Amino acid sequence: MSLFLVRHGRPLIDTAVPARAWELDPRGYDDIWALRESGRVPGRAAWFSSPEPKAIGTATLLTDAQVGVVDDLAEHRRESTDWIDDFEGTVRRAFAEPDRAAYDGWEPLADCRRRVVSAVRPALAAVGEGDLVLVGHGTAWTLLVAELTGSAPDLGVWAALAMPDVIRLDGPFAT
């Protein structure tokens, strides 16, 4: 079994609303189509998406298969609409102190990790030997990879993820 963690395509940023409500930027559709045609994502697999519009939009451009929506695959929750100039530094602080909110209105990463892992384990068990594609978010996937591999979150991989991008993990995974 293989697990494909797809990071959503480029969002259309609207600083008046939280990031969870952002749609895809139509100028990034070609990048999503290129990923679809690249062979890096399986044609036959079980597909699930975060409930965020940018993730659902990415999933529907990547596959003709049915895509289930799983609320707990949402990104690290950030309720603030503040524009943060040093966003990467703030996220790195969140990883350094996962039990604390790195910014007012942000979910602690430890809570995000528990939420995402709890959502993914039943999906892994349900697909058995089949492939599973999850479309979502870079921070959530970084936490999930750490959990499934028993390693520390790899912030180098997190920082290098494109929009869209895919991380492939080959199982079996402890469920």
Protein backbone atom coordinates (compact mmCIF):
# COMPACT_ATOMS: atom_id res chain seq x y z
CA MET A 1 0.00 0.00 0.00
CA SER A 2 1.09 3.54 -0.69
CA LEU A 3 -0.11 6.74 0.89
CA PHE A 4 -0.02 9.88 -1.26
CA LEU A 5 -0.22 13.15 0.64
CA VAL A 6 -1.04 15.92 -1.80
CA ARG A 7 -0.56 19.52 -0.84
CA HIS A 8 -3.22 21.74 -2.39
CA GLY A 9 -2.61 24.06 -5.31
CA ARG A 10 -1.85 27.74 -5.03
CA PRO A 11 -4.63 29.61 -3.16
CA LEU A 12 -6.23 32.88 -4.09
CA ILE A 13 -5.20 34.86 -1.02
CA ASP A 14 -7.85 37.05 0.56
CA THR A 15 -6.59 38.60 3.77
CA ALA A 16 -10.15 39.52 4.78
CA VAL A 17 -11.00 35.87 5.49
CA PRO A 18 -9.21 33.04 7.29
CA ALA A 19 -6.95 30.86 5.12
CA ARG A 20 -9.34 27.91 5.60
CA ALA A 21 -11.84 29.71 3.32
CA TRP A 22 -9.45 30.47 0.46
CA GLU A 23 -10.28 29.13 -2.99
CA LEU A 24 -7.76 28.00 -5.59
CA ASP A 25 -6.07 30.63 -7.69
CA PRO A 26 -7.14 29.86 -11.28
CA ARG A 27 -3.66 30.92 -12.43
CA GLY A 28 -2.35 27.78 -10.68
CA TYR A 29 -4.64 25.28 -12.41
CA ASP A 30 -1.93 24.37 -14.93
CA ASP A 31 0.32 23.25 -12.07
CA ILE A 32 -2.42 20.93 -10.80
CA TRP A 33 -3.03 19.54 -14.28
CA ALA A 34 0.73 18.96 -14.64
CA LEU A 35 0.74 16.98 -11.37
CA ARG A 36 -2.22 14.93 -12.61
CA GLU A 37 -0.37 14.08 -15.83
CA SER A 38 3.00 13.45 -14.09
CA GLY A 39 2.22 9.93 -12.88
CA ARG A 40 3.12 10.93 -9.31
CA VAL A 41 -0.48 10.37 -8.14
CA PRO A 42 -2.19 7.03 -8.77
CA GLY A 43 -5.15 6.76 -11.08
CA ARG A 44 -6.75 4.02 -8.99
CA ALA A 45 -6.94 4.81 -5.30
CA ALA A 46 -9.27 5.84 -2.52
CA TRP A 47 -9.40 9.66 -2.45
CA PHE A 48 -10.17 11.93 0.50
CA SER A 49 -9.80 15.66 0.97
CA SER A 50 -9.66 18.30 3.63
CA PRO A 51 -12.90 20.32 3.73
CA GLU A 52 -11.08 23.52 2.75
CA PRO A 53 -12.03 24.88 -0.70
CA LYS A 54 -8.43 24.95 -1.97
CA ALA A 55 -8.01 21.25 -1.10
CA ILE A 56 -11.36 20.15 -2.55
CA GLY A 57 -10.64 22.14 -5.70
CA THR A 58 -7.24 20.51 -6.05
CA ALA A 59 -8.70 17.02 -5.58
CA THR A 60 -11.39 17.55 -8.19
CA LEU A 61 -8.81 18.72 -10.73
CA LEU A 62 -6.53 15.76 -9.96
CA THR A 63 -9.01 12.90 -10.31
CA ASP A 64 -12.29 11.87 -11.86
CA ALA A 65 -12.82 9.49 -8.93
CA GLN A 66 -15.19 10.20 -6.07
CA VAL A 67 -13.50 12.24 -3.34
CA GLY A 68 -14.65 11.94 0.26
CA VAL A 69 -14.37 15.00 2.48
CA VAL A 70 -13.00 14.49 5.98
CA ASP A 71 -13.36 17.48 8.30
CA ASP A 72 -10.42 16.51 10.51
CA LEU A 73 -7.99 16.65 7.56
CA ALA A 74 -8.21 20.43 7.74
CA GLU A 75 -4.95 22.34 8.03
CA HIS A 76 -3.45 23.53 11.27
CA ARG A 77 -6.27 25.83 12.34
CA ARG A 78 -5.44 29.51 12.19
CA GLU A 79 -8.45 31.66 13.01
CA SER A 80 -6.64 34.97 12.70
CA THR A 81 -6.82 36.89 9.44
CA ASP A 82 -3.72 38.89 10.41
CA TRP A 83 -1.09 38.99 7.68
CA ILE A 84 2.14 37.65 9.22
CA ASP A 85 5.26 38.88 7.47
CA ASP A 86 7.41 36.13 9.00
CA PHE A 87 4.91 33.32 8.44
CA GLU A 88 7.64 30.68 8.04
CA GLY A 89 9.31 31.75 11.28
CA THR A 90 5.98 31.64 13.11
CA VAL A 91 5.28 28.13 11.83
CA ARG A 92 8.78 27.04 12.84
CA ARG A 93 8.03 28.34 16.37
CA ALA A 94 4.84 26.27 16.31
CA PHE A 95 6.88 23.15 15.53
CA ALA A 96 9.43 24.02 18.24
CA GLU A 97 6.69 24.35 20.87
CA PRO A 98 3.85 22.11 19.63
CA ASP A 99 1.81 22.34 22.84
CA ARG A 100 1.49 26.14 22.58
CA ALA A 101 -0.24 28.37 20.06
CA ALA A 102 2.50 30.13 18.09
CA TYR A 103 0.18 33.03 17.34
CA ASP A 104 -3.08 34.31 18.78
CA GLY A 105 -5.94 32.22 17.34
CA TRP A 106 -3.72 29.37 16.14
CA GLU A 107 -4.30 25.76 17.10
CA PRO A 108 -1.34 24.18 18.92
CA LEU A 109 0.38 21.74 16.57
CA ALA A 110 0.02 18.91 19.09
CA ASP A 111 -3.76 19.26 18.75
CA CYS A 112 -3.53 19.35 14.96
CA ARG A 113 -1.38 16.21 14.97
CA ARG A 114 -3.85 14.28 17.15
CA ARG A 115 -6.78 15.40 14.99
CA VAL A 116 -5.19 14.51 11.65
CA VAL A 117 -3.72 11.19 12.80
CA SER A 118 -7.07 10.18 14.30
CA ALA A 119 -8.73 10.88 10.95
CA VAL A 120 -6.13 9.05 8.85
CA ARG A 121 -5.69 5.80 10.80
CA PRO A 122 -9.21 4.48 10.00
CA ALA A 123 -8.74 5.37 6.32
CA LEU A 124 -5.46 3.45 6.23
CA ALA A 125 -7.14 0.44 7.82
CA ALA A 126 -10.09 0.64 5.42
CA VAL A 127 -8.03 0.62 2.20
CA GLY A 128 -5.97 -2.40 3.27
CA GLU A 129 -3.51 -3.09 0.46
CA GLY A 130 -4.90 -0.40 -1.83
CA ASP A 131 -3.52 3.06 -2.38
CA LEU A 132 -4.81 6.09 -0.50
CA VAL A 133 -4.63 9.71 -1.68
CA LEU A 134 -5.25 12.49 0.82
CA VAL A 135 -5.46 16.06 -0.45
CA GLY A 136 -4.74 18.69 2.14
CA HIS A 137 -2.07 20.85 3.64
CA GLY A 138 1.66 21.08 4.19
CA THR A 139 1.75 21.51 7.96
CA ALA A 140 -0.80 18.75 8.57
CA TRP A 141 1.09 16.38 6.25
CA THR A 142 4.41 17.19 7.94
CA LEU A 143 2.90 16.18 11.28
CA LEU A 144 1.32 13.05 9.81
CA VAL A 145 4.57 11.91 8.16
CA ALA A 146 6.38 12.32 11.48
CA GLU A 147 3.74 10.21 13.21
CA LEU A 148 3.69 7.43 10.60
CA THR A 149 7.48 7.22 10.30
CA GLY A 150 8.30 7.68 13.99
CA SER A 151 10.55 10.64 13.18
CA ALA A 152 10.69 14.32 14.03
CA PRO A 153 8.80 16.69 11.72
CA ASP A 154 11.05 17.51 8.75
CA LEU A 155 10.83 21.26 8.38
CA GLY A 156 13.13 21.14 5.36
CA VAL A 157 10.56 19.05 3.50
CA TRP A 158 7.77 21.33 4.78
CA ALA A 159 9.54 24.46 3.50
CA ALA A 160 10.29 22.85 0.12
CA LEU A 161 6.73 21.70 -0.65
CA ALA A 162 5.34 23.33 -3.75
CA MET A 163 1.68 24.13 -4.40
CA PRO A 164 0.68 21.54 -5.45
CA ASP A 165 3.07 18.79 -4.43
CA VAL A 166 2.94 15.19 -3.26
CA ILE A 167 4.68 13.16 -0.58
CA ARG A 168 4.60 9.38 -1.09
CA LEU A 169 4.93 6.95 1.80
CA ASP A 170 4.98 3.20 1.28
CA GLY A 171 3.39 1.01 3.95
CA PRO A 172 2.55 -0.99 5.82
CA PHE A 173 1.62 1.51 8.49
CA ALA A 174 0.74 0.79 12.09
CA THR A 175 -2.95 1.47 12.45
